[in-house]
N, C-alpha and C. Protein backbone atom coordinates (compact mmCIF):
# COMPACT_ATOMS: atom_id res chain seq x y z
N MET A 1 48.79 15.83 -189.62
CA MET A 1 47.01 16.10 -189.40
C MET A 1 46.83 16.49 -187.87
N ARG A 2 45.84 17.25 -187.77
CA ARG A 2 45.27 17.75 -186.82
C ARG A 2 43.81 17.75 -186.79
N THR A 3 43.22 16.86 -186.02
CA THR A 3 41.72 16.95 -185.45
C THR A 3 41.30 17.27 -184.04
N LEU A 4 39.98 18.00 -184.33
CA LEU A 4 39.46 18.31 -183.37
C LEU A 4 38.21 17.89 -183.12
N ILE A 5 37.77 17.04 -181.74
CA ILE A 5 36.47 16.58 -181.82
C ILE A 5 35.81 17.22 -180.10
N LEU A 6 34.57 18.07 -180.69
CA LEU A 6 33.78 18.85 -180.04
C LEU A 6 32.70 17.85 -179.46
N GLY A 7 32.18 18.39 -178.24
CA GLY A 7 30.98 17.73 -177.96
C GLY A 7 30.46 18.30 -176.59
N GLY A 8 29.32 18.11 -176.34
CA GLY A 8 28.97 17.85 -174.73
C GLY A 8 29.29 17.17 -173.76
N ALA A 9 29.36 17.74 -172.87
CA ALA A 9 30.13 16.88 -171.49
C ALA A 9 29.58 15.46 -171.46
N ARG A 10 30.51 14.59 -171.51
CA ARG A 10 30.33 13.28 -171.50
C ARG A 10 29.28 12.72 -172.41
N SER A 11 29.64 12.73 -173.93
CA SER A 11 29.15 13.02 -174.96
C SER A 11 30.08 11.72 -175.64
N GLY A 12 31.10 11.23 -175.19
CA GLY A 12 31.49 10.18 -175.81
C GLY A 12 32.99 10.48 -176.15
N LYS A 13 33.26 11.91 -176.37
CA LYS A 13 34.06 12.58 -176.65
C LYS A 13 35.83 11.77 -176.71
N SER A 14 36.07 11.89 -176.10
CA SER A 14 37.19 10.96 -175.42
C SER A 14 37.32 9.57 -176.03
N ALA A 15 36.41 8.81 -175.60
CA ALA A 15 36.33 7.78 -176.41
C ALA A 15 36.89 7.35 -177.65
N LEU A 16 36.09 8.33 -178.72
CA LEU A 16 36.13 8.89 -180.31
C LEU A 16 37.84 9.23 -180.42
N ALA A 17 38.53 9.87 -179.47
CA ALA A 17 39.34 10.17 -179.64
C ALA A 17 40.27 9.13 -179.46
N GLU A 18 40.19 8.24 -178.81
CA GLU A 18 40.87 7.06 -178.11
C GLU A 18 40.90 5.93 -179.53
N HIS A 19 39.72 6.19 -179.64
CA HIS A 19 39.49 4.97 -180.81
C HIS A 19 40.61 5.16 -182.15
N LEU A 20 40.44 6.68 -182.66
CA LEU A 20 41.36 6.88 -183.72
C LEU A 20 42.88 6.77 -183.37
N ALA A 21 43.14 6.96 -182.10
CA ALA A 21 44.48 6.88 -181.58
C ALA A 21 44.98 5.47 -181.76
N ALA A 22 43.82 4.64 -181.44
CA ALA A 22 44.56 3.05 -181.39
C ALA A 22 45.17 2.81 -182.63
N HIS A 23 44.29 3.18 -183.95
CA HIS A 23 45.38 2.69 -184.86
C HIS A 23 46.87 3.38 -185.35
N HIS A 24 47.66 3.52 -184.09
CA HIS A 24 48.83 4.39 -184.13
C HIS A 24 49.63 3.00 -183.44
N ASP A 25 50.86 2.80 -183.63
CA ASP A 25 51.96 1.95 -182.83
C ASP A 25 52.04 2.87 -181.92
N ALA A 26 52.37 3.93 -182.15
CA ALA A 26 53.01 4.76 -180.65
C ALA A 26 51.65 6.12 -180.36
N VAL A 27 51.29 5.99 -179.08
CA VAL A 27 50.41 7.05 -178.82
C VAL A 27 51.01 7.79 -177.36
N LEU A 28 50.88 9.10 -177.32
CA LEU A 28 50.84 9.77 -176.24
C LEU A 28 49.79 10.40 -176.03
N TYR A 29 49.31 10.29 -174.53
CA TYR A 29 48.03 10.79 -174.14
C TYR A 29 48.57 12.24 -172.94
N ILE A 30 47.94 13.27 -173.39
CA ILE A 30 48.31 14.45 -172.83
C ILE A 30 46.88 14.90 -172.04
N ALA A 31 47.00 14.62 -170.95
CA ALA A 31 46.08 14.44 -169.69
C ALA A 31 46.39 16.35 -169.03
N THR A 32 45.01 16.89 -169.30
CA THR A 32 45.39 18.40 -168.85
C THR A 32 44.49 18.47 -167.46
N ALA A 33 43.57 17.57 -167.10
CA ALA A 33 42.86 17.27 -166.10
C ALA A 33 43.77 17.25 -164.58
N ALA A 34 43.16 18.17 -163.62
CA ALA A 34 43.77 17.73 -162.18
C ALA A 34 42.53 17.30 -161.41
N ALA A 35 42.78 16.46 -160.22
CA ALA A 35 41.74 15.87 -159.52
C ALA A 35 41.90 16.49 -158.50
N GLY A 36 41.10 18.09 -158.93
CA GLY A 36 40.63 18.69 -157.77
C GLY A 36 39.42 18.57 -156.62
N ASP A 37 38.57 17.33 -156.97
CA ASP A 37 37.70 16.63 -156.10
C ASP A 37 37.34 15.35 -156.48
N ASP A 38 36.55 14.81 -155.88
CA ASP A 38 36.24 13.08 -156.09
C ASP A 38 35.79 12.83 -157.28
N GLU A 39 34.94 13.82 -157.50
CA GLU A 39 34.32 13.20 -159.21
C GLU A 39 35.22 13.07 -160.35
N MET A 40 36.21 14.42 -160.25
CA MET A 40 37.21 14.50 -161.15
C MET A 40 38.20 13.25 -160.79
N ALA A 41 38.79 12.98 -159.65
CA ALA A 41 39.37 11.73 -159.64
C ALA A 41 38.78 10.36 -160.09
N GLN A 42 37.76 10.54 -159.81
CA GLN A 42 37.48 8.95 -160.52
C GLN A 42 36.95 9.09 -162.30
N ARG A 43 36.71 10.08 -162.61
CA ARG A 43 36.95 10.53 -164.16
C ARG A 43 38.02 10.25 -164.57
N ILE A 44 39.28 10.73 -163.89
CA ILE A 44 40.59 10.51 -164.25
C ILE A 44 40.94 8.82 -163.95
N LEU A 45 40.61 8.27 -162.97
CA LEU A 45 40.77 6.78 -162.99
C LEU A 45 39.84 6.22 -164.21
N HIS A 46 38.82 6.39 -164.47
CA HIS A 46 38.37 5.90 -165.82
C HIS A 46 38.98 5.87 -166.87
N HIS A 47 39.49 7.22 -167.28
CA HIS A 47 39.90 7.45 -168.41
C HIS A 47 41.54 6.34 -168.39
N ARG A 48 41.97 6.32 -167.45
CA ARG A 48 43.68 5.66 -167.04
C ARG A 48 43.19 4.09 -167.24
N GLU A 49 41.90 3.64 -167.06
CA GLU A 49 41.45 2.43 -167.11
C GLU A 49 41.25 1.75 -168.20
N ARG A 50 40.66 3.01 -168.61
CA ARG A 50 40.04 2.58 -170.32
C ARG A 50 41.16 2.87 -171.44
N ARG A 51 42.50 3.26 -171.37
CA ARG A 51 43.78 3.58 -172.15
C ARG A 51 44.70 2.29 -172.09
N PRO A 52 45.10 2.27 -173.29
CA PRO A 52 46.19 1.12 -173.36
C PRO A 52 47.23 1.09 -172.30
N ALA A 53 47.88 -0.24 -171.94
CA ALA A 53 48.75 0.55 -171.16
C ALA A 53 49.98 0.70 -171.66
N HIS A 54 50.15 0.64 -172.83
CA HIS A 54 51.34 0.51 -173.70
C HIS A 54 51.21 2.21 -173.98
N TRP A 55 50.39 3.12 -174.10
CA TRP A 55 50.45 3.74 -174.65
C TRP A 55 51.42 5.18 -173.56
N ALA A 56 51.93 6.39 -174.13
CA ALA A 56 52.77 7.08 -172.95
C ALA A 56 51.88 8.01 -172.33
N LEU A 57 52.53 8.54 -171.23
CA LEU A 57 50.95 9.24 -170.60
C LEU A 57 52.17 10.84 -169.89
N CYS A 58 51.99 11.92 -170.33
CA CYS A 58 52.05 13.12 -169.61
C CYS A 58 51.03 14.25 -169.33
N GLU A 59 51.04 14.17 -167.94
CA GLU A 59 50.23 15.17 -167.30
C GLU A 59 50.59 16.69 -167.72
N THR A 60 49.84 17.40 -168.20
CA THR A 60 49.86 18.51 -168.72
C THR A 60 48.83 19.72 -168.02
N PRO A 61 48.95 20.12 -166.79
CA PRO A 61 47.91 20.62 -167.07
C PRO A 61 47.73 22.67 -167.19
N LEU A 62 49.07 22.72 -167.73
CA LEU A 62 49.32 24.41 -168.13
C LEU A 62 50.31 24.40 -169.26
N SER A 63 51.26 23.83 -169.30
CA SER A 63 52.11 23.78 -170.10
C SER A 63 52.14 23.26 -171.42
N LEU A 64 50.70 23.62 -172.16
CA LEU A 64 50.49 22.87 -173.19
C LEU A 64 51.76 22.73 -174.23
N ALA A 65 52.09 23.94 -174.60
CA ALA A 65 52.84 24.39 -176.03
C ALA A 65 54.38 23.35 -176.04
N ALA A 66 54.77 23.67 -174.71
CA ALA A 66 55.93 22.86 -174.23
C ALA A 66 55.91 21.50 -174.51
N THR A 67 54.87 21.02 -173.70
CA THR A 67 55.29 19.49 -174.07
C THR A 67 54.88 18.61 -175.29
N LEU A 68 54.05 19.92 -176.20
CA LEU A 68 53.72 19.27 -177.46
C LEU A 68 55.18 19.99 -178.25
N GLN A 69 56.05 20.60 -177.79
CA GLN A 69 57.34 20.68 -178.76
C GLN A 69 58.06 19.91 -178.22
N HIS A 70 58.28 19.12 -177.04
CA HIS A 70 59.03 18.79 -176.46
C HIS A 70 58.58 16.96 -176.76
N GLU A 71 57.91 16.76 -176.93
CA GLU A 71 56.96 15.22 -177.29
C GLU A 71 56.76 14.73 -178.55
N THR A 72 56.08 15.36 -179.30
CA THR A 72 55.77 15.22 -180.68
C THR A 72 56.81 14.85 -181.69
N HIS A 73 56.41 13.87 -182.84
CA HIS A 73 57.58 13.40 -183.54
C HIS A 73 56.43 12.77 -184.64
N ALA A 74 56.87 12.61 -185.96
CA ALA A 74 56.31 12.09 -186.78
C ALA A 74 55.83 10.31 -186.59
N ALA A 75 56.40 9.77 -185.76
CA ALA A 75 56.09 8.32 -185.87
C ALA A 75 55.10 8.60 -184.55
N ARG A 76 54.64 9.60 -183.86
CA ARG A 76 53.79 9.36 -182.83
C ARG A 76 52.32 9.85 -182.77
N CYS A 77 51.39 9.47 -182.45
CA CYS A 77 50.00 10.04 -182.36
C CYS A 77 49.76 10.89 -180.96
N VAL A 78 49.74 11.95 -180.72
CA VAL A 78 49.57 12.99 -179.71
C VAL A 78 48.21 13.16 -179.71
N LEU A 79 47.33 12.10 -178.39
CA LEU A 79 46.45 13.01 -178.02
C LEU A 79 45.75 13.85 -176.67
N VAL A 80 45.61 15.16 -177.12
CA VAL A 80 45.44 16.25 -176.01
C VAL A 80 43.59 16.30 -175.30
N ASP A 81 43.62 15.82 -174.28
CA ASP A 81 42.52 15.72 -173.71
C ASP A 81 41.96 16.41 -172.02
N CYS A 82 41.57 17.22 -172.24
CA CYS A 82 41.19 18.08 -173.15
C CYS A 82 41.36 19.73 -173.20
N LEU A 83 41.03 20.19 -174.00
CA LEU A 83 41.45 21.73 -174.15
C LEU A 83 40.83 22.85 -173.17
N THR A 84 39.36 22.11 -173.20
CA THR A 84 38.70 22.76 -171.99
C THR A 84 38.66 22.93 -170.27
N LEU A 85 39.70 21.61 -170.20
CA LEU A 85 39.98 22.03 -169.06
C LEU A 85 41.58 22.65 -168.73
N TRP A 86 42.28 22.64 -169.53
CA TRP A 86 43.70 23.19 -170.01
C TRP A 86 43.34 24.56 -169.86
N LEU A 87 42.27 25.14 -170.56
CA LEU A 87 41.96 26.74 -170.64
C LEU A 87 41.36 26.94 -168.87
N SER A 88 40.66 26.37 -168.56
CA SER A 88 40.55 26.13 -166.93
C SER A 88 41.47 26.09 -166.09
N ASN A 89 41.95 25.47 -166.36
CA ASN A 89 43.57 25.75 -165.59
C ASN A 89 44.21 27.22 -165.77
N LEU A 90 44.67 27.48 -166.63
CA LEU A 90 44.92 28.54 -167.19
C LEU A 90 44.22 29.96 -166.54
N LEU A 91 42.86 29.84 -166.70
CA LEU A 91 42.37 31.29 -166.46
C LEU A 91 41.86 31.09 -165.05
N CYS A 92 41.90 30.12 -164.32
CA CYS A 92 41.99 29.86 -162.85
C CYS A 92 43.19 30.05 -162.06
N SER A 93 44.35 30.45 -162.97
CA SER A 93 45.80 30.46 -162.42
C SER A 93 45.63 31.68 -161.46
N ALA A 94 46.81 32.00 -160.92
CA ALA A 94 47.08 33.60 -160.18
C ALA A 94 47.37 34.30 -160.87
N ASP A 95 48.46 33.69 -162.02
CA ASP A 95 49.21 34.52 -162.99
C ASP A 95 48.19 35.27 -164.34
N THR A 96 47.92 36.17 -164.18
CA THR A 96 47.11 36.93 -164.87
C THR A 96 47.40 36.67 -166.17
N THR A 97 48.91 36.61 -166.41
CA THR A 97 49.21 36.70 -167.78
C THR A 97 49.20 35.57 -168.42
N LEU A 98 49.41 34.49 -167.60
CA LEU A 98 49.54 33.01 -168.10
C LEU A 98 48.55 32.41 -169.26
N PHE A 99 47.21 32.72 -169.11
CA PHE A 99 46.55 32.57 -170.91
C PHE A 99 46.95 33.23 -171.65
N GLU A 100 47.19 34.42 -171.72
CA GLU A 100 47.62 34.87 -172.87
C GLU A 100 49.03 34.39 -173.56
N ARG A 101 49.68 33.71 -172.24
CA ARG A 101 51.35 33.46 -172.92
C ARG A 101 51.09 31.91 -173.41
N GLU A 102 50.20 31.31 -172.68
CA GLU A 102 50.12 29.85 -173.17
C GLU A 102 49.12 29.45 -174.16
N ARG A 103 48.51 30.79 -174.60
CA ARG A 103 47.11 30.66 -176.12
C ARG A 103 48.12 31.05 -177.04
N ALA A 104 49.25 32.18 -176.71
CA ALA A 104 50.06 32.46 -177.85
C ALA A 104 50.89 31.66 -178.21
N ALA A 105 51.41 30.92 -177.26
CA ALA A 105 52.23 29.66 -177.08
C ALA A 105 51.99 28.66 -178.36
N LEU A 106 50.49 28.21 -177.97
CA LEU A 106 49.93 26.86 -178.56
C LEU A 106 50.03 27.59 -180.07
N LEU A 107 49.12 28.61 -180.29
CA LEU A 107 48.81 28.97 -181.42
C LEU A 107 50.12 29.12 -182.45
N ALA A 108 51.30 29.47 -181.79
CA ALA A 108 52.66 29.35 -182.54
C ALA A 108 53.13 28.17 -183.25
N VAL A 109 53.04 27.47 -182.61
CA VAL A 109 53.44 26.15 -182.85
C VAL A 109 52.61 24.49 -183.12
N VAL A 110 51.50 25.14 -183.34
CA VAL A 110 50.70 23.77 -183.39
C VAL A 110 50.55 23.25 -185.08
N GLY A 111 50.59 24.57 -185.61
CA GLY A 111 50.78 24.29 -187.08
C GLY A 111 52.09 23.77 -187.44
N GLU A 112 53.18 23.76 -187.09
CA GLU A 112 54.41 23.81 -187.18
C GLU A 112 54.78 22.11 -186.26
N LEU A 113 54.21 21.37 -185.79
CA LEU A 113 54.06 20.33 -185.08
C LEU A 113 54.06 18.88 -186.02
N PRO A 114 55.26 18.31 -186.19
CA PRO A 114 55.29 16.93 -186.46
C PRO A 114 54.46 15.90 -186.20
N GLY A 115 53.59 14.89 -186.95
CA GLY A 115 52.64 14.07 -186.28
C GLY A 115 51.04 14.24 -186.73
N GLU A 116 50.52 13.64 -185.90
CA GLU A 116 49.00 13.29 -185.99
C GLU A 116 48.99 13.72 -184.30
N ILE A 117 48.18 15.06 -184.36
CA ILE A 117 47.43 15.20 -183.18
C ILE A 117 46.41 15.44 -183.04
N ILE A 118 45.78 15.09 -182.18
CA ILE A 118 44.14 15.00 -181.84
C ILE A 118 43.56 15.72 -180.64
N PHE A 119 42.78 16.73 -181.00
CA PHE A 119 42.33 17.61 -179.69
C PHE A 119 40.77 17.40 -179.09
N VAL A 120 40.54 17.27 -177.78
CA VAL A 120 39.52 17.08 -177.17
C VAL A 120 39.44 18.19 -176.85
N SER A 121 37.74 18.75 -176.71
CA SER A 121 37.33 20.14 -176.28
C SER A 121 35.79 19.89 -175.90
N ASN A 122 35.24 20.61 -175.20
CA ASN A 122 33.82 20.66 -174.91
C ASN A 122 33.40 21.90 -175.66
N GLU A 123 32.24 21.25 -176.29
CA GLU A 123 31.28 22.59 -177.06
C GLU A 123 30.42 23.23 -175.45
N VAL A 124 31.16 24.35 -175.14
CA VAL A 124 30.30 24.78 -173.97
C VAL A 124 28.67 24.76 -174.32
N GLY A 125 27.94 24.60 -173.16
CA GLY A 125 26.26 24.92 -173.53
C GLY A 125 25.71 24.05 -173.77
N GLN A 126 26.73 22.64 -174.83
CA GLN A 126 25.74 21.29 -175.05
C GLN A 126 26.27 20.26 -174.26
N GLY A 127 24.92 19.29 -173.73
CA GLY A 127 25.17 18.87 -172.46
C GLY A 127 24.79 19.12 -171.51
N VAL A 128 24.85 18.05 -170.48
CA VAL A 128 24.15 18.61 -169.13
C VAL A 128 25.05 17.69 -168.14
N VAL A 129 25.52 18.51 -167.09
CA VAL A 129 26.31 17.97 -166.09
C VAL A 129 25.51 17.45 -164.76
N PRO A 130 25.04 16.23 -164.75
CA PRO A 130 24.10 16.14 -163.32
C PRO A 130 24.69 16.38 -162.52
N LEU A 131 23.91 16.47 -161.40
CA LEU A 131 23.62 16.99 -159.86
C LEU A 131 24.27 15.75 -159.35
N GLY A 132 23.97 14.84 -159.48
CA GLY A 132 24.57 13.64 -158.85
C GLY A 132 24.74 12.37 -159.50
């Protein structure tokens, strides 16, 4: 099963995804964010504090398809938070071919992976990111 949760910035997408994942015995949280500034570091810390301690964590800013291939199995729910940051990481890479390779790799494997996967992504243009 695949679930995609979309919404505006800070609209509760991650909390909803975590609530859905919490119904499973085994959960892997794939975090795509990198703490590039103090605000992102605080957001990452908030997400860490909110997650159950027994959930596995894999920080994957770029190689999402490879991580999914290696880490998914039928008895585990995988939560990917979030696709928007993963895309930003790829697009900002100095390797101009990375986006195409990683996108193609994800599309090639996502339908074949075992278990439940919950993807979180921003709906661009919905929601407001405050200045302060």
